[in-house]
Amino acid sequence: MLIYAYASSSQGEYQKVLTMASKWDRRGFPVDAAVGWVTIKACAARGVWEIGAAALNDLEEAGIEVTANHYECVLTPQNSQI
């Protein structure tokens, strides 16, 4: 999935990931747990922890079930995940 490729790149292109997720949501394709995880992963890769934590909170507030993987992205340095 393209959005995962952006998140997994060495640059962690979180802005592209956030833009894609936002476009999907506006077009009636709500963000699910997988897209949320990719979003948090991309934020972690760039060290923008505040944005990743906010995305995690948004998932929880939307009633999306988050897993240990979601929390791990926020809490673990990205270097150890790739």
PDB file of N, CA and C in Angstrom:
ATOM      1  N   MET A   1       0.854  -1.158   0.000  1.00  0.00           N
ATOM      2  CA  MET A   1       0.000   0.000   0.000  1.00  0.00           C
ATOM      3  C   MET A   1       0.902   1.223   0.000  1.00  0.00           C
ATOM      4  N   LEU A   2       0.584   2.179  -0.837  1.00  0.00           N
ATOM      5  CA  LEU A   2       1.407   3.372  -1.033  1.00  0.00           C
ATOM      6  C   LEU A   2       1.625   4.141   0.257  1.00  0.00           C
ATOM      7  N   ILE A   3       0.601   4.269   1.049  1.00  0.00           N
ATOM      8  CA  ILE A   3       0.725   5.027   2.285  1.00  0.00           C
ATOM      9  C   ILE A   3       1.769   4.385   3.209  1.00  0.00           C
ATOM     10  N   TYR A   4       1.849   3.062   3.212  1.00  0.00           N
ATOM     11  CA  TYR A   4       2.851   2.362   4.020  1.00  0.00           C
ATOM     12  C   TYR A   4       4.260   2.649   3.495  1.00  0.00           C
ATOM     13  N   ALA A   5       4.410   2.733   2.184  1.00  0.00           N
ATOM     14  CA  ALA A   5       5.715   3.039   1.602  1.00  0.00           C
ATOM     15  C   ALA A   5       6.211   4.397   2.061  1.00  0.00           C
ATOM     16  N   TYR A   6       5.324   5.380   2.115  1.00  0.00           N
ATOM     17  CA  TYR A   6       5.714   6.701   2.618  1.00  0.00           C
ATOM     18  C   TYR A   6       6.145   6.621   4.075  1.00  0.00           C
ATOM     19  N   ALA A   7       5.411   5.879   4.875  1.00  0.00           N
ATOM     20  CA  ALA A   7       5.716   5.778   6.301  1.00  0.00           C
ATOM     21  C   ALA A   7       7.025   5.038   6.545  1.00  0.00           C
ATOM     22  N   SER A   8       7.314   4.052   5.703  1.00  0.00           N
ATOM     23  CA  SER A   8       8.487   3.207   5.904  1.00  0.00           C
ATOM     24  C   SER A   8       9.764   3.758   5.291  1.00  0.00           C
ATOM     25  N   SER A   9       9.646   4.808   4.520  1.00  0.00           N
ATOM     26  CA  SER A   9      10.846   5.360   3.901  1.00  0.00           C
ATOM     27  C   SER A   9      11.773   5.891   4.983  1.00  0.00           C
ATOM     28  N   SER A  10      13.018   5.989   4.652  1.00  0.00           N
ATOM     29  CA  SER A  10      13.987   6.475   5.635  1.00  0.00           C
ATOM     30  C   SER A  10      13.676   7.900   6.070  1.00  0.00           C
ATOM     31  N   GLN A  11      12.902   8.614   5.275  1.00  0.00           N
ATOM     32  CA  GLN A  11      12.536   9.981   5.612  1.00  0.00           C
ATOM     33  C   GLN A  11      11.271  10.056   6.451  1.00  0.00           C
ATOM     34  N   GLY A  12      10.504   8.964   6.515  1.00  0.00           N
ATOM     35  CA  GLY A  12       9.251   8.978   7.262  1.00  0.00           C
ATOM     36  C   GLY A  12       8.379  10.138   6.822  1.00  0.00           C
ATOM     37  N   GLU A  13       7.903  10.084   5.622  1.00  0.00           N
ATOM     38  CA  GLU A  13       7.189  11.214   5.013  1.00  0.00           C
ATOM     39  C   GLU A  13       5.802  11.370   5.629  1.00  0.00           C
ATOM     40  N   TYR A  14       5.803  11.788   6.884  1.00  0.00           N
ATOM     41  CA  TYR A  14       4.558  11.863   7.638  1.00  0.00           C
ATOM     42  C   TYR A  14       3.574  12.867   7.056  1.00  0.00           C
ATOM     43  N   GLN A  15       4.067  13.945   6.450  1.00  0.00           N
ATOM     44  CA  GLN A  15       3.138  14.932   5.886  1.00  0.00           C
ATOM     45  C   GLN A  15       2.336  14.333   4.734  1.00  0.00           C
ATOM     46  N   LYS A  16       2.981  13.518   3.905  1.00  0.00           N
ATOM     47  CA  LYS A  16       2.262  12.857   2.811  1.00  0.00           C
ATOM     48  C   LYS A  16       1.254  11.858   3.370  1.00  0.00           C
ATOM     49  N   VAL A  17       1.643  11.141   4.412  1.00  0.00           N
ATOM     50  CA  VAL A  17       0.744  10.170   5.028  1.00  0.00           C
ATOM     51  C   VAL A  17      -0.471  10.879   5.616  1.00  0.00           C
ATOM     52  N   LEU A  18      -0.236  11.970   6.343  1.00  0.00           N
ATOM     53  CA  LEU A  18      -1.346  12.725   6.934  1.00  0.00           C
ATOM     54  C   LEU A  18      -2.273  13.279   5.862  1.00  0.00           C
ATOM     55  N   THR A  19      -1.696  13.760   4.772  1.00  0.00           N
ATOM     56  CA  THR A  19      -2.499  14.299   3.677  1.00  0.00           C
ATOM     57  C   THR A  19      -3.354  13.210   3.034  1.00  0.00           C
ATOM     58  N   MET A  20      -2.750  12.048   2.779  1.00  0.00           N
ATOM     59  CA  MET A  20      -3.501  10.952   2.165  1.00  0.00           C
ATOM     60  C   MET A  20      -4.636  10.494   3.073  1.00  0.00           C
ATOM     61  N   ALA A  21      -4.357  10.320   4.355  1.00  0.00           N
ATOM     62  CA  ALA A  21      -5.390   9.865   5.292  1.00  0.00           C
ATOM     63  C   ALA A  21      -6.522  10.881   5.379  1.00  0.00           C
ATOM     64  N   SER A  22      -6.180  12.148   5.372  1.00  0.00           N
ATOM     65  CA  SER A  22      -7.191  13.200   5.441  1.00  0.00           C
ATOM     66  C   SER A  22      -8.069  13.201   4.189  1.00  0.00           C
ATOM     67  N   LYS A  23      -7.446  13.032   3.023  1.00  0.00           N
ATOM     68  CA  LYS A  23      -8.208  12.980   1.771  1.00  0.00           C
ATOM     69  C   LYS A  23      -9.160  11.802   1.767  1.00  0.00           C
ATOM     70  N   TRP A  24      -8.672  10.654   2.217  1.00  0.00           N
ATOM     71  CA  TRP A  24      -9.533   9.474   2.253  1.00  0.00           C
ATOM     72  C   TRP A  24     -10.730   9.715   3.159  1.00  0.00           C
ATOM     73  N   ASP A  25     -10.471  10.288   4.318  1.00  0.00           N
ATOM     74  CA  ASP A  25     -11.549  10.533   5.275  1.00  0.00           C
ATOM     75  C   ASP A  25     -12.596  11.484   4.693  1.00  0.00           C
ATOM     76  N   ARG A  26     -12.129  12.536   4.027  1.00  0.00           N
ATOM     77  CA  ARG A  26     -13.052  13.500   3.410  1.00  0.00           C
ATOM     78  C   ARG A  26     -13.877  12.864   2.300  1.00  0.00           C
ATOM     79  N   ARG A  27     -13.332  11.853   1.647  1.00  0.00           N
ATOM     80  CA  ARG A  27     -14.032  11.191   0.544  1.00  0.00           C
ATOM     81  C   ARG A  27     -14.894  10.026   1.011  1.00  0.00           C
ATOM     82  N   GLY A  28     -15.037   9.890   2.322  1.00  0.00           N
ATOM     83  CA  GLY A  28     -15.926   8.863   2.849  1.00  0.00           C
ATOM     84  C   GLY A  28     -15.279   7.532   3.175  1.00  0.00           C
ATOM     85  N   PHE A  29     -13.951   7.495   3.183  1.00  0.00           N
ATOM     86  CA  PHE A  29     -13.218   6.291   3.555  1.00  0.00           C
ATOM     87  C   PHE A  29     -12.518   6.560   4.884  1.00  0.00           C
ATOM     88  N   PRO A  30     -13.208   6.320   5.986  1.00  0.00           N
ATOM     89  CA  PRO A  30     -12.633   6.679   7.277  1.00  0.00           C
ATOM     90  C   PRO A  30     -11.349   5.915   7.581  1.00  0.00           C
ATOM     91  N   VAL A  31     -10.508   6.552   8.338  1.00  0.00           N
ATOM     92  CA  VAL A  31      -9.248   5.949   8.762  1.00  0.00           C
ATOM     93  C   VAL A  31      -9.566   4.752   9.651  1.00  0.00           C
ATOM     94  N   ASP A  32      -8.870   3.646   9.404  1.00  0.00           N
ATOM     95  CA  ASP A  32      -9.038   2.465  10.243  1.00  0.00           C
ATOM     96  C   ASP A  32      -7.769   2.248  11.065  1.00  0.00           C
ATOM     97  N   ALA A  33      -7.718   1.147  11.787  1.00  0.00           N
ATOM     98  CA  ALA A  33      -6.577   0.880  12.664  1.00  0.00           C
ATOM     99  C   ALA A  33      -5.265   0.774  11.877  1.00  0.00           C
ATOM    100  N   ALA A  34      -5.333   0.178  10.682  1.00  0.00           N
ATOM    101  CA  ALA A  34      -4.113   0.001   9.878  1.00  0.00           C
ATOM    102  C   ALA A  34      -3.571   1.344   9.387  1.00  0.00           C
ATOM    103  N   VAL A  35      -4.439   2.181   8.873  1.00  0.00           N
ATOM    104  CA  VAL A  35      -4.001   3.500   8.393  1.00  0.00           C
ATOM    105  C   VAL A  35      -3.528   4.351   9.578  1.00  0.00           C
ATOM    106  N   GLY A  36      -4.207   4.223  10.693  1.00  0.00           N
ATOM    107  CA  GLY A  36      -3.773   4.937  11.892  1.00  0.00           C
ATOM    108  C   GLY A  36      -2.382   4.518  12.320  1.00  0.00           C
ATOM    109  N   TRP A  37      -2.116   3.216  12.266  1.00  0.00           N
ATOM    110  CA  TRP A  37      -0.792   2.711  12.628  1.00  0.00           C
ATOM    111  C   TRP A  37       0.281   3.266  11.698  1.00  0.00           C
ATOM    112  N   VAL A  38      -0.011   3.267  10.405  1.00  0.00           N
ATOM    113  CA  VAL A  38       0.942   3.792   9.427  1.00  0.00           C
ATOM    114  C   VAL A  38       1.204   5.277   9.685  1.00  0.00           C
ATOM    115  N   THR A  39       0.162   6.013  10.023  1.00  0.00           N
ATOM    116  CA  THR A  39       0.310   7.436  10.313  1.00  0.00           C
ATOM    117  C   THR A  39       1.223   7.648  11.509  1.00  0.00           C
ATOM    118  N   ILE A  40       0.995   6.895  12.564  1.00  0.00           N
ATOM    119  CA  ILE A  40       1.819   7.022  13.769  1.00  0.00           C
ATOM    120  C   ILE A  40       3.251   6.600  13.470  1.00  0.00           C
ATOM    121  N   LYS A  41       3.425   5.553  12.689  1.00  0.00           N
ATOM    122  CA  LYS A  41       4.760   5.071  12.310  1.00  0.00           C
ATOM    123  C   LYS A  41       5.533   6.147  11.539  1.00  0.00           C
ATOM    124  N   ALA A  42       4.860   6.804  10.619  1.00  0.00           N
ATOM    125  CA  ALA A  42       5.513   7.856   9.833  1.00  0.00           C
ATOM    126  C   ALA A  42       5.931   9.017  10.730  1.00  0.00           C
ATOM    127  N   CYS A  43       5.089   9.381  11.660  1.00  0.00           N
ATOM    128  CA  CYS A  43       5.425  10.469  12.589  1.00  0.00           C
ATOM    129  C   CYS A  43       6.628  10.081  13.449  1.00  0.00           C
ATOM    130  N   ALA A  44       6.644   8.837  13.899  1.00  0.00           N
ATOM    131  CA  ALA A  44       7.761   8.371  14.724  1.00  0.00           C
ATOM    132  C   ALA A  44       9.072   8.402  13.948  1.00  0.00           C
ATOM    133  N   ALA A  45       9.006   8.050  12.663  1.00  0.00           N
ATOM    134  CA  ALA A  45      10.221   8.026  11.846  1.00  0.00           C
ATOM    135  C   ALA A  45      10.864   9.408  11.726  1.00  0.00           C
ATOM    136  N   ARG A  46      10.058  10.440  11.790  1.00  0.00           N
ATOM    137  CA  ARG A  46      10.579  11.808  11.680  1.00  0.00           C
ATOM    138  C   ARG A  46      10.775  12.479  13.033  1.00  0.00           C
ATOM    139  N   GLY A  47      10.408  11.770  14.099  1.00  0.00           N
ATOM    140  CA  GLY A  47      10.603  12.333  15.427  1.00  0.00           C
ATOM    141  C   GLY A  47       9.557  13.364  15.825  1.00  0.00           C
ATOM    142  N   VAL A  48       8.430  13.368  15.160  1.00  0.00           N
ATOM    143  CA  VAL A  48       7.361  14.302  15.515  1.00  0.00           C
ATOM    144  C   VAL A  48       6.371  13.571  16.427  1.00  0.00           C
ATOM    145  N   TRP A  49       6.842  13.293  17.634  1.00  0.00           N
ATOM    146  CA  TRP A  49       6.104  12.489  18.596  1.00  0.00           C
ATOM    147  C   TRP A  49       4.761  13.112  18.965  1.00  0.00           C
ATOM    148  N   GLU A  50       4.720  14.424  19.031  1.00  0.00           N
ATOM    149  CA  GLU A  50       3.472  15.085  19.420  1.00  0.00           C
ATOM    150  C   GLU A  50       2.369  14.807  18.398  1.00  0.00           C
ATOM    151  N   ILE A  51       2.720  14.836  17.131  1.00  0.00           N
ATOM    152  CA  ILE A  51       1.735  14.575  16.075  1.00  0.00           C
ATOM    153  C   ILE A  51       1.312  13.104  16.112  1.00  0.00           C
ATOM    154  N   GLY A  52       2.271  12.214  16.319  1.00  0.00           N
ATOM    155  CA  GLY A  52       1.952  10.793  16.435  1.00  0.00           C
ATOM    156  C   GLY A  52       1.048  10.502  17.622  1.00  0.00           C
ATOM    157  N   ALA A  53       1.336  11.130  18.758  1.00  0.00           N
ATOM    158  CA  ALA A  53       0.494  10.941  19.945  1.00  0.00           C
ATOM    159  C   ALA A  53      -0.901  11.504  19.710  1.00  0.00           C
ATOM    160  N   ALA A  54      -0.989  12.632  19.011  1.00  0.00           N
ATOM    161  CA  ALA A  54      -2.298  13.209  18.692  1.00  0.00           C
ATOM    162  C   ALA A  54      -3.082  12.275  17.766  1.00  0.00           C
ATOM    163  N   ALA A  55      -2.396  11.651  16.816  1.00  0.00           N
ATOM    164  CA  ALA A  55      -3.058  10.691  15.917  1.00  0.00           C
ATOM    165  C   ALA A  55      -3.560   9.490  16.709  1.00  0.00           C
ATOM    166  N   LEU A  56      -2.777   9.045  17.675  1.00  0.00           N
ATOM    167  CA  LEU A  56      -3.205   7.934  18.528  1.00  0.00           C
ATOM    168  C   LEU A  56      -4.453   8.320  19.317  1.00  0.00           C
ATOM    169  N   ASN A  57      -4.453   9.508  19.877  1.00  0.00           N
ATOM    170  CA  ASN A  57      -5.637   9.989  20.602  1.00  0.00           C
ATOM    171  C   ASN A  57      -6.849  10.082  19.689  1.00  0.00           C
ATOM    172  N   ASP A  58      -6.646  10.549  18.459  1.00  0.00           N
ATOM    173  CA  ASP A  58      -7.750  10.647  17.498  1.00  0.00           C
ATOM    174  C   ASP A  58      -8.355   9.271  17.207  1.00  0.00           C
ATOM    175  N   LEU A  59      -7.495   8.261  17.073  1.00  0.00           N
ATOM    176  CA  LEU A  59      -7.988   6.905  16.837  1.00  0.00           C
ATOM    177  C   LEU A  59      -8.849   6.438  18.011  1.00  0.00           C
ATOM    178  N   GLU A  60      -8.329   6.650  19.215  1.00  0.00           N
ATOM    179  CA  GLU A  60      -9.066   6.218  20.401  1.00  0.00           C
ATOM    180  C   GLU A  60     -10.404   6.947  20.513  1.00  0.00           C
ATOM    181  N   GLU A  61     -10.401   8.248  20.255  1.00  0.00           N
ATOM    182  CA  GLU A  61     -11.633   9.034  20.342  1.00  0.00           C
ATOM    183  C   GLU A  61     -12.651   8.628  19.279  1.00  0.00           C
ATOM    184  N   ALA A  62     -12.166   8.132  18.143  1.00  0.00           N
ATOM    185  CA  ALA A  62     -13.053   7.680  17.072  1.00  0.00           C
ATOM    186  C   ALA A  62     -13.589   6.274  17.334  1.00  0.00           C
ATOM    187  N   GLY A  63     -13.143   5.664  18.429  1.00  0.00           N
ATOM    188  CA  GLY A  63     -13.607   4.329  18.764  1.00  0.00           C
ATOM    189  C   GLY A  63     -12.897   3.224  18.013  1.00  0.00           C
ATOM    190  N   ILE A  64     -11.759   3.549  17.415  1.00  0.00           N
ATOM    191  CA  ILE A  64     -10.977   2.556  16.681  1.00  0.00           C
ATOM    192  C   ILE A  64     -10.107   1.810  17.683  1.00  0.00           C
ATOM    193  N   GLU A  65     -10.130   0.494  17.597  1.00  0.00           N
ATOM    194  CA  GLU A  65      -9.350  -0.311  18.531  1.00  0.00           C
ATOM    195  C   GLU A  65      -7.861  -0.181  18.215  1.00  0.00           C
ATOM    196  N   VAL A  66      -7.129   0.320  19.170  1.00  0.00           N
ATOM    197  CA  VAL A  66      -5.680   0.430  19.004  1.00  0.00           C
ATOM    198  C   VAL A  66      -5.025  -0.757  19.700  1.00  0.00           C
ATOM    199  N   THR A  67      -3.862  -1.115  19.201  1.00  0.00           N
ATOM    200  CA  THR A  67      -3.151  -2.281  19.721  1.00  0.00           C
ATOM    201  C   THR A  67      -1.813  -1.854  20.300  1.00  0.00           C
ATOM    202  N   ALA A  68      -1.104  -2.816  20.816  1.00  0.00           N
ATOM    203  CA  ALA A  68       0.237  -2.548  21.332  1.00  0.00           C
ATOM    204  C   ALA A  68       1.135  -1.986  20.239  1.00  0.00           C
ATOM    205  N   ASN A  69       0.908  -2.376  18.984  1.00  0.00           N
ATOM    206  CA  ASN A  69       1.720  -1.858  17.871  1.00  0.00           C
ATOM    207  C   ASN A  69       1.571  -0.348  17.734  1.00  0.00           C
ATOM    208  N   HIS A  70       0.371   0.162  17.943  1.00  0.00           N
ATOM    209  CA  HIS A  70       0.144   1.604  17.860  1.00  0.00           C
ATOM    210  C   HIS A  70       0.958   2.327  18.941  1.00  0.00           C
ATOM    211  N   TYR A  71       0.868   1.823  20.163  1.00  0.00           N
ATOM    212  CA  TYR A  71       1.594   2.444  21.271  1.00  0.00           C
ATOM    213  C   TYR A  71       3.101   2.308  21.094  1.00  0.00           C
ATOM    214  N   GLU A  72       3.531   1.169  20.560  1.00  0.00           N
ATOM    215  CA  GLU A  72       4.954   0.936  20.351  1.00  0.00           C
ATOM    216  C   GLU A  72       5.559   1.973  19.406  1.00  0.00           C
ATOM    217  N   CYS A  73       4.803   2.352  18.374  1.00  0.00           N
ATOM    218  CA  CYS A  73       5.305   3.358  17.431  1.00  0.00           C
ATOM    219  C   CYS A  73       5.560   4.693  18.124  1.00  0.00           C
ATOM    220  N   VAL A  74       4.718   5.018  19.083  1.00  0.00           N
ATOM    221  CA  VAL A  74       4.871   6.288  19.780  1.00  0.00           C
ATOM    222  C   VAL A  74       6.003   6.211  20.790  1.00  0.00           C
ATOM    223  N   LEU A  75       6.197   5.054  21.406  1.00  0.00           N
ATOM    224  CA  LEU A  75       7.132   4.931  22.526  1.00  0.00           C
ATOM    225  C   LEU A  75       8.522   4.450  22.154  1.00  0.00           C
ATOM    226  N   THR A  76       8.675   3.814  20.997  1.00  0.00           N
ATOM    227  CA  THR A  76       9.947   3.207  20.623  1.00  0.00           C
ATOM    228  C   THR A  76      10.642   4.033  19.555  1.00  0.00           C
ATOM    229  N   PRO A  77      11.931   4.283  19.721  1.00  0.00           N
ATOM    230  CA  PRO A  77      12.675   4.976  18.653  1.00  0.00           C
ATOM    231  C   PRO A  77      12.537   4.217  17.342  1.00  0.00           C
ATOM    232  N   GLN A  78      12.313   4.934  16.266  1.00  0.00           N
ATOM    233  CA  GLN A  78      12.039   4.322  14.967  1.00  0.00           C
ATOM    234  C   GLN A  78      13.168   3.420  14.499  1.00  0.00           C
ATOM    235  N   ASN A  79      14.385   3.730  14.834  1.00  0.00           N
ATOM    236  CA  ASN A  79      15.518   2.929  14.369  1.00  0.00           C
ATOM    237  C   ASN A  79      15.380   1.459  14.739  1.00  0.00           C
ATOM    238  N   SER A  80      14.726   1.159  15.859  1.00  0.00           N
ATOM    239  CA  SER A  80      14.616  -0.222  16.280  1.00  0.00           C
ATOM    240  C   SER A  80      13.436  -0.934  15.657  1.00  0.00           C
ATOM    241  N   GLN A  81      12.598  -0.237  14.876  1.00  0.00           N
ATOM    242  CA  GLN A  81      11.417  -0.865  14.293  1.00  0.00           C
ATOM    243  C   GLN A  81      11.601  -1.245  12.842  1.00  0.00           C
ATOM    244  N   ILE A  82      12.502  -0.647  12.152  1.00  0.00           N
ATOM    245  CA  ILE A  82      12.636  -0.912  10.704  1.00  0.00           C
ATOM    246  C   ILE A  82      13.634  -2.007  10.466  1.00  0.00           C
TER     247      ILE A  82
END
